[in-house]
Amino acid sequence: MGGLSPGGLALLLVSALLAGGCTELAPHAGPITLVLKHARILGPADPFPGLLREFEAAHPGVRVRSESLPWSSDEQHQFYVVNLEGQSPGFDVMMLDVIWVPEFARAGWLLDLTDRVRPQEFAAYFPSTVAAATWSGRVWAFPWNMNVGLLYYRRDLLAKHGFQPPVTWAALADQVRRIRAAEGDPTLEGYLWQGKQYEGMIVNVLEALWAHGTGLLGDDGTVFPEPERAAAALGFLRRLIATGVSPSWTTAADEELSRRAFGDGHAIFLRNWPYVLNLLEAPGSRVRGRVGLAPLPGGVGGVGAGSTGGSHLGIARGTAHPDLALALVRFLTGERAERAMAAGAALYPTRTALYHDPALVAGNPWLPRIHDLMLAGRPRPVTPSYLLLSTTLQPELSAVLVGLKSERRAIIDARRRLDYFLASNR
């Protein structure tokens, strides 16, 4: 992190009602509007409008206009790329998928925050989120919310049939077959995951690669450094669908489609993100009180691990109000705001201490467990070329999942294309 030392984060606010001892911003003339772009906030109660009004009250003459982006991460990325090519993108602060930070930083779209970050400021966050906020020894964003891939299971069904949560994929497939046979319910699916041709599919493939003891990129940048293990991982995913452990519509499933099917009581297992837990346990949920949470299973030669994800807040390099934009970022990523988001929205904080906060744990007893799973998660490859990797791989890997191409052929074709594209992109 370019010589930065870790530490706690103090809120940069001017209101005496908020954290004290902060540096006051210079007065500004006339009304100022900060535009914040973000994904739609899900959850039982959205504290976002109240937080923004609180920030405005602490900064007289400043208004924050929040503008929602499409749900799909791919659509959000497309919006940013189109708008950030210009010098004045029309927004000041942006919610960024963690995988975009190196790409946006290299493109010159983000304000370099290195000299603005105070010593000890990032110690309160998960280390993986701090790493994702930096690139080339510089700081480009602040961690805002955290994600990790989890295994949801029907606790009532596993208990009824004498099973513990599976620790291997072979055990999961065996439990699916046994439970479905015993239940005799043709509408009960086995294992739901995200196999649609988009970034979510890549995440599921990465988790399968790790479970098979390999990865997407080697230390030297080689794509699929162990092609035989990679082929085994892809073959495993294809067999889940071909054998009926996962339904045929998996190849069209994203987070929400799979979440809704599981939430309607139509599946035994689900791979998804932590936000799903809030919705599954909400009043009126058909599976409320019947859901368990576990780490993703492991496989041959590998250990199960969920992919980490989440969002950061970055500042557009072309903003006319960098100091105020940074004050907003600090406020929204501060302890007070992250606690409010954790309590009311389906967003999990990047500040580790909040997972053990008594008031938050009382409302979500799973928080300490999710904290441990967050720490055990693995990041996607941190590279400015990640989106190039993902978009090139998506059609190749999707062809395997739908049965149009063998896993070995897909790996050979993907490596050939990526070797060319990555060489051209250097």
Protein backbone atom coordinates (compact mmCIF):
# COMPACT_ATOMS: atom_id res chain seq x y z
CA MET A 1 0.00 0.00 0.00
CA GLY A 2 2.79 2.41 -0.85
CA GLY A 3 4.15 2.70 2.71
CA LEU A 4 0.79 3.16 4.40
CA SER A 5 0.45 1.62 7.83
CA PRO A 6 -2.86 0.07 8.96
CA GLY A 7 -5.17 1.62 11.52
CA GLY A 8 -8.68 2.75 12.46
CA LEU A 9 -10.92 4.94 10.37
CA ALA A 10 -12.29 8.23 11.77
CA LEU A 11 -15.24 9.88 10.06
CA LEU A 12 -14.48 13.15 8.32
CA LEU A 13 -17.56 15.15 9.35
CA VAL A 14 -18.15 18.70 10.44
CA SER A 15 -21.23 18.09 12.57
CA ALA A 16 -20.74 18.00 16.33
CA LEU A 17 -23.30 15.19 16.39
CA LEU A 18 -20.88 12.92 14.57
CA ALA A 19 -17.31 11.87 15.31
CA GLY A 20 -15.33 14.72 16.77
CA GLY A 21 -11.79 15.87 16.32
CA CYS A 22 -12.02 15.88 12.51
CA THR A 23 -10.51 18.36 10.11
CA GLU A 24 -13.18 20.80 8.92
CA LEU A 25 -13.66 21.30 5.21
CA ALA A 26 -13.12 24.73 3.72
CA PRO A 27 -16.32 26.76 3.21
CA HIS A 28 -17.86 26.52 -0.22
CA ALA A 29 -19.89 29.11 -2.09
CA GLY A 30 -23.39 28.30 -3.31
CA PRO A 31 -25.24 24.98 -3.34
CA ILE A 32 -23.27 21.93 -4.38
CA THR A 33 -24.70 18.63 -5.60
CA LEU A 34 -22.73 15.40 -5.30
CA VAL A 35 -23.98 12.59 -7.51
CA LEU A 36 -23.57 9.07 -6.15
CA LYS A 37 -24.02 6.07 -8.44
CA HIS A 38 -24.80 2.77 -6.75
CA ALA A 39 -26.59 -0.54 -7.17
CA ARG A 40 -30.11 -0.90 -5.82
CA ILE A 41 -30.12 -1.44 -2.06
CA LEU A 42 -31.91 -4.63 -1.00
CA GLY A 43 -33.09 -5.50 2.49
CA PRO A 44 -35.91 -5.16 5.00
CA ALA A 45 -35.33 -1.42 5.54
CA ASP A 46 -33.24 0.90 3.43
CA PRO A 47 -31.25 3.27 5.68
CA PHE A 48 -29.55 4.89 2.69
CA PRO A 49 -31.80 7.97 2.30
CA GLY A 50 -31.51 8.75 6.00
CA LEU A 51 -27.72 8.45 5.91
CA LEU A 52 -27.48 10.79 2.97
CA ARG A 53 -29.70 13.36 4.69
CA GLU A 54 -27.46 13.06 7.77
CA PHE A 55 -24.41 13.80 5.65
CA GLU A 56 -26.18 16.80 4.13
CA ALA A 57 -27.07 18.12 7.59
CA ALA A 58 -23.40 17.97 8.51
CA HIS A 59 -22.43 19.80 5.31
CA PRO A 60 -24.73 22.82 4.84
CA GLY A 61 -25.17 23.75 1.20
CA VAL A 62 -24.33 20.25 -0.04
CA ARG A 63 -26.90 17.90 -1.51
CA VAL A 64 -26.31 14.27 -2.42
CA ARG A 65 -28.29 12.84 -5.32
CA SER A 66 -28.21 9.05 -5.34
CA GLU A 67 -28.88 7.34 -8.65
CA SER A 68 -29.42 3.59 -8.90
CA LEU A 69 -27.69 1.46 -11.49
CA PRO A 70 -29.06 -1.71 -13.12
CA TRP A 71 -29.02 -4.87 -11.01
CA SER A 72 -26.57 -6.74 -13.27
CA SER A 73 -22.90 -6.17 -12.51
CA ASP A 74 -22.12 -6.47 -16.22
CA GLU A 75 -24.60 -3.66 -17.04
CA GLN A 76 -23.14 -1.49 -14.29
CA HIS A 77 -19.66 -1.97 -15.72
CA GLN A 78 -20.85 -1.06 -19.20
CA PHE A 79 -22.46 2.13 -17.88
CA TYR A 80 -19.27 3.20 -16.15
CA VAL A 81 -17.02 2.48 -19.12
CA VAL A 82 -19.21 4.49 -21.47
CA ASN A 83 -19.49 7.47 -19.13
CA LEU A 84 -15.98 7.54 -17.69
CA GLU A 85 -14.36 7.85 -21.08
CA GLY A 86 -15.28 11.53 -20.90
CA GLN A 87 -13.61 14.04 -18.61
CA SER A 88 -16.89 14.93 -16.84
CA PRO A 89 -18.88 11.73 -16.33
CA GLY A 90 -21.81 13.39 -14.55
CA PHE A 91 -21.23 11.75 -11.17
CA ASP A 92 -18.75 12.15 -8.34
CA VAL A 93 -18.79 8.96 -6.26
CA MET A 94 -19.37 5.45 -7.59
CA MET A 95 -20.03 2.05 -6.13
CA LEU A 96 -17.49 -0.32 -7.72
CA ASP A 97 -17.36 -4.07 -7.86
CA VAL A 98 -14.06 -4.99 -6.19
CA ILE A 99 -12.77 -6.56 -9.42
CA TRP A 100 -12.97 -3.25 -11.30
CA VAL A 101 -10.57 -1.19 -9.19
CA PRO A 102 -7.31 -2.13 -11.00
CA GLU A 103 -8.94 -1.69 -14.41
CA PHE A 104 -10.45 1.71 -13.60
CA ALA A 105 -7.26 2.89 -11.92
CA ARG A 106 -5.10 1.97 -14.88
CA ALA A 107 -7.56 3.67 -17.24
CA GLY A 108 -7.19 6.93 -15.28
CA TRP A 109 -10.85 7.07 -14.26
CA LEU A 110 -10.37 7.11 -10.47
CA LEU A 111 -9.02 9.81 -8.22
CA ASP A 112 -5.78 8.65 -6.62
CA LEU A 113 -6.45 8.72 -2.87
CA THR A 114 -3.00 7.67 -1.67
CA ASP A 115 -1.91 11.06 -0.36
CA ARG A 116 -5.37 11.70 1.13
CA VAL A 117 -5.55 8.51 3.21
CA ARG A 118 -4.51 9.09 6.80
CA PRO A 119 -2.06 6.79 8.59
CA GLN A 120 -3.77 3.90 10.39
CA GLU A 121 -6.98 4.50 8.43
CA PHE A 122 -7.60 1.06 6.91
CA ALA A 123 -6.88 -1.24 9.88
CA ALA A 124 -10.57 -1.64 10.73
CA TYR A 125 -11.38 -3.38 7.44
CA PHE A 126 -10.95 -6.95 6.24
CA PRO A 127 -7.42 -7.20 4.82
CA SER A 128 -8.75 -8.63 1.56
CA THR A 129 -10.93 -5.56 1.02
CA VAL A 130 -7.98 -3.24 1.61
CA ALA A 131 -5.92 -5.22 -0.91
CA ALA A 132 -8.73 -4.91 -3.43
CA ALA A 133 -8.83 -1.14 -2.94
CA THR A 134 -5.19 -0.78 -3.96
CA TRP A 135 -3.30 -1.30 -7.19
CA SER A 136 0.29 -0.65 -8.15
CA GLY A 137 1.07 0.51 -4.61
CA ARG A 138 -1.60 3.23 -4.67
CA VAL A 139 -5.01 3.61 -2.97
CA TRP A 140 -7.98 4.09 -5.29
CA ALA A 141 -11.11 3.36 -3.23
CA PHE A 142 -12.55 2.70 0.23
CA PRO A 143 -14.06 -0.69 1.18
CA TRP A 144 -17.84 -0.47 1.58
CA ASN A 145 -19.49 -3.89 1.68
CA MET A 146 -18.24 -7.46 1.69
CA ASN A 147 -19.38 -10.71 0.07
CA VAL A 148 -18.32 -14.34 0.04
CA GLY A 149 -19.75 -17.42 -1.64
CA LEU A 150 -21.72 -19.61 0.83
CA LEU A 151 -23.58 -22.89 0.84
CA TYR A 152 -27.20 -22.60 2.01
CA TYR A 153 -29.01 -25.82 2.90
CA ARG A 154 -32.40 -26.93 4.12
CA ARG A 155 -31.64 -27.69 7.73
CA ASP A 156 -34.97 -29.44 8.22
CA LEU A 157 -34.47 -31.81 5.28
CA LEU A 158 -30.92 -32.74 6.23
CA ALA A 159 -31.95 -33.39 9.84
CA LYS A 160 -34.97 -35.44 8.76
CA HIS A 161 -32.75 -37.77 6.74
CA GLY A 162 -29.85 -37.92 9.21
CA PHE A 163 -27.30 -35.81 7.32
CA GLN A 164 -24.78 -33.19 8.37
CA PRO A 165 -23.84 -30.36 5.98
CA PRO A 166 -21.59 -31.90 3.29
CA VAL A 167 -17.88 -31.12 3.37
CA THR A 168 -17.17 -32.60 -0.07
CA TRP A 169 -18.97 -32.26 -3.38
CA ALA A 170 -19.34 -36.02 -3.60
CA ALA A 171 -21.20 -36.00 -0.28
CA LEU A 172 -23.47 -33.18 -1.48
CA ALA A 173 -24.40 -35.09 -4.64
CA ASP A 174 -25.07 -38.23 -2.60
CA GLN A 175 -27.31 -36.33 -0.18
CA VAL A 176 -29.26 -34.81 -3.06
CA ARG A 177 -29.96 -38.22 -4.57
CA ARG A 178 -30.96 -39.80 -1.27
CA ILE A 179 -33.17 -36.95 -0.05
CA ARG A 180 -34.97 -36.56 -3.36
CA ALA A 181 -35.62 -40.30 -3.58
CA ALA A 182 -36.96 -40.42 -0.04
CA GLU A 183 -39.10 -37.30 -0.40
CA GLY A 184 -40.66 -38.39 -3.68
CA ASP A 185 -41.32 -34.76 -4.64
CA PRO A 186 -40.64 -34.16 -8.36
CA THR A 187 -40.55 -30.38 -7.80
CA LEU A 188 -37.71 -30.60 -5.26
CA GLU A 189 -34.41 -29.66 -6.88
CA GLY A 190 -30.99 -30.57 -5.56
CA TYR A 191 -28.20 -28.00 -5.79
CA LEU A 192 -28.82 -24.52 -7.25
CA TRP A 193 -26.02 -22.30 -8.47
CA GLN A 194 -25.31 -19.62 -11.07
CA GLY A 195 -24.54 -21.06 -14.51
CA LYS A 196 -25.80 -18.28 -16.77
CA GLN A 197 -23.21 -16.80 -19.15
CA TYR A 198 -22.12 -13.83 -17.02
CA GLU A 199 -19.67 -12.96 -14.25
CA GLY A 200 -21.56 -15.05 -11.69
CA MET A 201 -20.78 -18.17 -13.70
CA ILE A 202 -17.07 -17.32 -13.64
CA VAL A 203 -17.22 -17.08 -9.84
CA ASN A 204 -18.77 -20.54 -9.63
CA VAL A 205 -16.10 -21.92 -11.96
CA LEU A 206 -13.37 -20.35 -9.83
CA GLU A 207 -14.79 -22.03 -6.73
CA ALA A 208 -14.84 -25.37 -8.56
CA LEU A 209 -11.23 -24.85 -9.64
CA TRP A 210 -10.16 -24.19 -6.04
CA ALA A 211 -12.04 -27.28 -4.87
CA HIS A 212 -9.98 -29.26 -7.39
CA GLY A 213 -6.68 -27.83 -6.17
CA THR A 214 -6.01 -25.38 -8.98
CA GLY A 215 -6.86 -21.87 -10.15
CA LEU A 216 -7.48 -19.67 -13.14
CA LEU A 217 -4.12 -17.88 -13.23
CA GLY A 218 -0.71 -19.18 -12.25
CA ASP A 219 1.90 -17.10 -10.45
CA ASP A 220 3.46 -16.29 -13.83
CA GLY A 221 0.13 -15.23 -15.34
CA THR A 222 -0.48 -18.50 -17.18
CA VAL A 223 -4.17 -19.13 -17.85
CA PHE A 224 -5.31 -22.53 -16.51
CA PRO A 225 -1.79 -23.44 -15.27
CA GLU A 226 -2.93 -27.02 -14.54
CA PRO A 227 -5.19 -27.86 -17.50
CA GLU A 228 -5.99 -31.41 -16.37
CA ARG A 229 -7.24 -30.24 -12.98
CA ALA A 230 -9.14 -27.42 -14.67
CA ALA A 231 -10.79 -29.90 -17.02
CA ALA A 232 -11.81 -32.04 -14.05
CA ALA A 233 -13.40 -29.01 -12.39
CA LEU A 234 -15.37 -28.07 -15.51
CA GLY A 235 -16.40 -31.68 -16.02
CA PHE A 236 -17.66 -31.78 -12.46
CA LEU A 237 -19.88 -28.74 -13.03
CA ARG A 238 -21.24 -30.19 -16.25
CA ARG A 239 -22.03 -33.52 -14.54
CA LEU A 240 -24.01 -31.73 -11.83
CA ILE A 241 -26.43 -30.69 -14.55
CA ALA A 242 -26.23 -33.82 -16.69
CA THR A 243 -26.98 -36.13 -13.75
CA GLY A 244 -29.80 -34.01 -12.36
CA VAL A 245 -28.06 -32.99 -9.14
CA SER A 246 -28.63 -29.47 -10.48
CA PRO A 247 -31.59 -28.62 -12.73
CA SER A 248 -31.23 -28.08 -16.46
CA TRP A 249 -32.18 -24.41 -16.05
CA THR A 250 -28.95 -23.82 -14.11
CA THR A 251 -27.41 -22.58 -17.36
CA ALA A 252 -29.89 -19.66 -17.26
CA ALA A 253 -29.63 -19.02 -13.50
CA ASP A 254 -28.26 -15.91 -11.85
CA GLU A 255 -28.25 -14.99 -8.15
CA GLU A 256 -31.87 -13.92 -7.99
CA LEU A 257 -33.37 -16.75 -10.05
CA SER A 258 -31.62 -19.36 -7.94
CA ARG A 259 -32.40 -17.48 -4.73
CA ARG A 260 -36.11 -17.30 -5.48
CA ALA A 261 -36.36 -21.02 -6.27
CA PHE A 262 -34.62 -21.94 -3.02
CA GLY A 263 -36.66 -19.39 -1.09
CA ASP A 264 -39.87 -20.93 -2.44
CA GLY A 265 -38.85 -24.23 -0.84
CA HIS A 266 -38.00 -25.97 -4.11
CA ALA A 267 -34.38 -26.97 -3.47
CA ILE A 268 -32.10 -28.63 -0.92
CA PHE A 269 -28.88 -26.66 -1.48
CA LEU A 270 -28.00 -23.22 -2.85
CA ARG A 271 -24.75 -21.45 -3.55
CA ASN A 272 -25.16 -17.69 -3.15
CA TRP A 273 -23.99 -14.55 -1.33
CA PRO A 274 -24.71 -13.44 2.26
CA TYR A 275 -27.43 -10.97 1.23
CA VAL A 276 -29.68 -13.96 0.55
CA LEU A 277 -29.83 -14.85 4.25
CA ASN A 278 -31.72 -11.66 5.09
CA LEU A 279 -34.35 -12.47 2.47
CA LEU A 280 -34.68 -16.14 3.39
CA GLU A 281 -35.28 -15.23 7.04
CA ALA A 282 -37.65 -12.35 6.32
CA PRO A 283 -41.28 -12.55 7.51
CA GLY A 284 -43.34 -14.45 4.97
CA SER A 285 -40.44 -16.49 3.64
CA ARG A 286 -41.45 -20.10 3.01
CA VAL A 287 -38.14 -21.37 4.41
CA ARG A 288 -37.81 -19.03 7.37
CA GLY A 289 -36.21 -20.85 10.30
CA ARG A 290 -35.37 -23.89 8.16
CA VAL A 291 -32.14 -22.74 6.54
CA GLY A 292 -28.57 -23.57 7.48
CA LEU A 293 -25.31 -21.99 6.42
CA ALA A 294 -22.00 -23.72 5.66
CA PRO A 295 -18.78 -23.24 3.72
CA LEU A 296 -18.71 -24.49 0.17
CA PRO A 297 -17.57 -28.13 -0.06
CA GLY A 298 -14.13 -29.21 -1.17
CA GLY A 299 -13.16 -31.71 -3.82
CA VAL A 300 -10.36 -33.86 -5.14
CA GLY A 301 -7.06 -32.36 -4.02
CA GLY A 302 -8.56 -29.04 -2.98
CA VAL A 303 -10.28 -27.24 -0.13
CA GLY A 304 -13.66 -25.58 -0.49
CA ALA A 305 -13.56 -21.80 -0.47
CA GLY A 306 -16.04 -19.13 -1.45
CA SER A 307 -15.05 -16.32 -3.74
CA THR A 308 -14.90 -12.94 -2.05
CA GLY A 309 -16.67 -10.00 -3.56
CA GLY A 310 -18.46 -6.87 -2.59
CA SER A 311 -18.20 -3.21 -3.42
CA HIS A 312 -15.91 -0.26 -2.89
CA LEU A 313 -16.59 3.44 -3.15
CA GLY A 314 -14.34 5.32 -5.55
CA ILE A 315 -14.25 8.94 -6.71
CA ALA A 316 -14.38 9.95 -10.36
CA ARG A 317 -11.17 11.62 -11.36
CA GLY A 318 -13.16 14.37 -13.11
CA THR A 319 -15.15 15.40 -10.03
CA ALA A 320 -15.29 19.12 -9.37
CA HIS A 321 -15.51 18.52 -5.61
CA PRO A 322 -12.82 16.01 -4.60
CA ASP A 323 -12.72 17.01 -0.91
CA LEU A 324 -16.48 16.77 -0.45
CA ALA A 325 -16.62 13.54 -2.44
CA LEU A 326 -13.96 12.05 -0.16
CA ALA A 327 -15.89 13.24 2.90
CA LEU A 328 -18.96 11.41 1.58
CA VAL A 329 -16.93 8.26 0.94
CA ARG A 330 -15.45 8.37 4.43
CA PHE A 331 -18.88 8.86 5.95
CA LEU A 332 -20.52 5.99 4.07
CA THR A 333 -17.65 3.60 4.83
CA GLY A 334 -17.43 4.69 8.46
CA GLU A 335 -18.59 2.65 11.43
CA ARG A 336 -21.85 4.54 11.94
CA ALA A 337 -23.00 4.18 8.33
CA GLU A 338 -21.83 0.58 7.94
CA ARG A 339 -23.68 -0.37 11.13
CA ALA A 340 -26.87 1.20 9.77
CA MET A 341 -26.47 -0.61 6.44
CA ALA A 342 -25.83 -3.93 8.19
CA ALA A 343 -28.93 -3.49 10.36
CA GLY A 344 -31.34 -2.35 7.67
CA ALA A 345 -30.03 -3.46 4.28
CA ALA A 346 -28.88 -6.77 2.88
CA LEU A 347 -25.28 -5.54 2.77
CA TYR A 348 -22.51 -6.93 4.93
CA PRO A 349 -19.89 -4.56 6.34
CA THR A 350 -16.21 -4.39 5.51
CA ARG A 351 -15.39 -3.43 9.12
CA THR A 352 -14.53 -6.62 10.99
CA ALA A 353 -15.62 -5.42 14.45
CA LEU A 354 -19.23 -5.04 13.34
CA TYR A 355 -19.58 -8.81 12.94
CA HIS A 356 -19.31 -9.07 16.73
CA ASP A 357 -21.35 -5.98 17.58
CA PRO A 358 -23.93 -7.13 20.20
CA ALA A 359 -26.82 -5.14 18.73
CA LEU A 360 -26.15 -6.37 15.20
CA VAL A 361 -25.62 -9.97 16.31
CA ALA A 362 -28.94 -9.85 18.18
CA GLY A 363 -30.63 -9.05 14.88
CA ASN A 364 -28.51 -11.46 12.82
CA PRO A 365 -27.03 -14.32 14.90
CA TRP A 366 -25.17 -15.57 11.81
CA LEU A 367 -22.79 -12.59 11.77
CA PRO A 368 -19.87 -14.21 13.69
CA ARG A 369 -20.10 -17.28 11.45
CA ILE A 370 -20.17 -15.15 8.31
CA HIS A 371 -17.16 -13.23 9.62
CA ASP A 372 -15.15 -16.46 9.74
CA LEU A 373 -16.30 -17.45 6.25
CA MET A 374 -15.35 -14.00 4.96
CA LEU A 375 -11.83 -14.45 6.33
CA ALA A 376 -11.57 -17.90 4.70
CA GLY A 377 -12.75 -16.67 1.29
CA ARG A 378 -10.47 -16.27 -1.71
CA PRO A 379 -10.34 -13.30 -4.08
CA ARG A 380 -10.76 -13.44 -7.80
CA PRO A 381 -7.53 -12.67 -9.70
CA VAL A 382 -6.47 -9.09 -8.96
CA THR A 383 -5.45 -7.74 -12.35
CA PRO A 384 -6.44 -4.82 -14.60
CA SER A 385 -7.21 -7.48 -17.23
CA TYR A 386 -9.77 -9.32 -15.11
CA LEU A 387 -12.78 -8.22 -17.19
CA LEU A 388 -10.94 -9.29 -20.34
CA LEU A 389 -10.33 -12.68 -18.75
CA SER A 390 -13.94 -13.01 -17.68
CA THR A 391 -15.61 -11.93 -20.90
CA THR A 392 -13.30 -14.12 -22.99
CA LEU A 393 -13.90 -17.15 -20.79
CA GLN A 394 -17.66 -16.79 -20.47
CA PRO A 395 -18.70 -18.18 -23.88
CA GLU A 396 -16.10 -20.96 -23.70
CA LEU A 397 -17.15 -22.14 -20.25
CA SER A 398 -20.84 -21.71 -20.99
CA ALA A 399 -20.42 -24.02 -23.99
CA VAL A 400 -19.15 -26.69 -21.60
CA LEU A 401 -22.05 -26.28 -19.19
CA VAL A 402 -24.69 -26.59 -21.93
CA GLY A 403 -22.92 -29.61 -23.42
CA LEU A 404 -21.80 -28.05 -26.70
CA LYS A 405 -18.06 -28.34 -26.11
CA SER A 406 -15.80 -30.66 -24.14
CA GLU A 407 -14.00 -29.20 -21.16
CA ARG A 408 -10.58 -29.93 -22.66
CA ARG A 409 -11.47 -28.26 -25.95
CA ALA A 410 -12.79 -25.22 -24.11
CA ILE A 411 -9.58 -24.91 -22.09
CA ILE A 412 -7.40 -25.17 -25.19
CA ASP A 413 -9.48 -22.58 -27.05
CA ALA A 414 -9.64 -20.23 -24.07
CA ARG A 415 -5.90 -20.37 -23.48
CA ARG A 416 -5.19 -19.65 -27.14
CA ARG A 417 -7.51 -16.65 -27.22
CA LEU A 418 -6.34 -15.26 -23.88
CA ASP A 419 -2.65 -15.66 -24.69
CA TYR A 420 -3.27 -13.46 -27.74
CA PHE A 421 -5.49 -10.90 -26.01
CA LEU A 422 -3.33 -10.59 -22.91
CA ALA A 423 -0.19 -10.14 -25.00
CA SER A 424 -1.95 -7.38 -26.96
CA ASN A 425 -3.18 -5.75 -23.75
CA ARG A 426 0.20 -5.47 -22.04
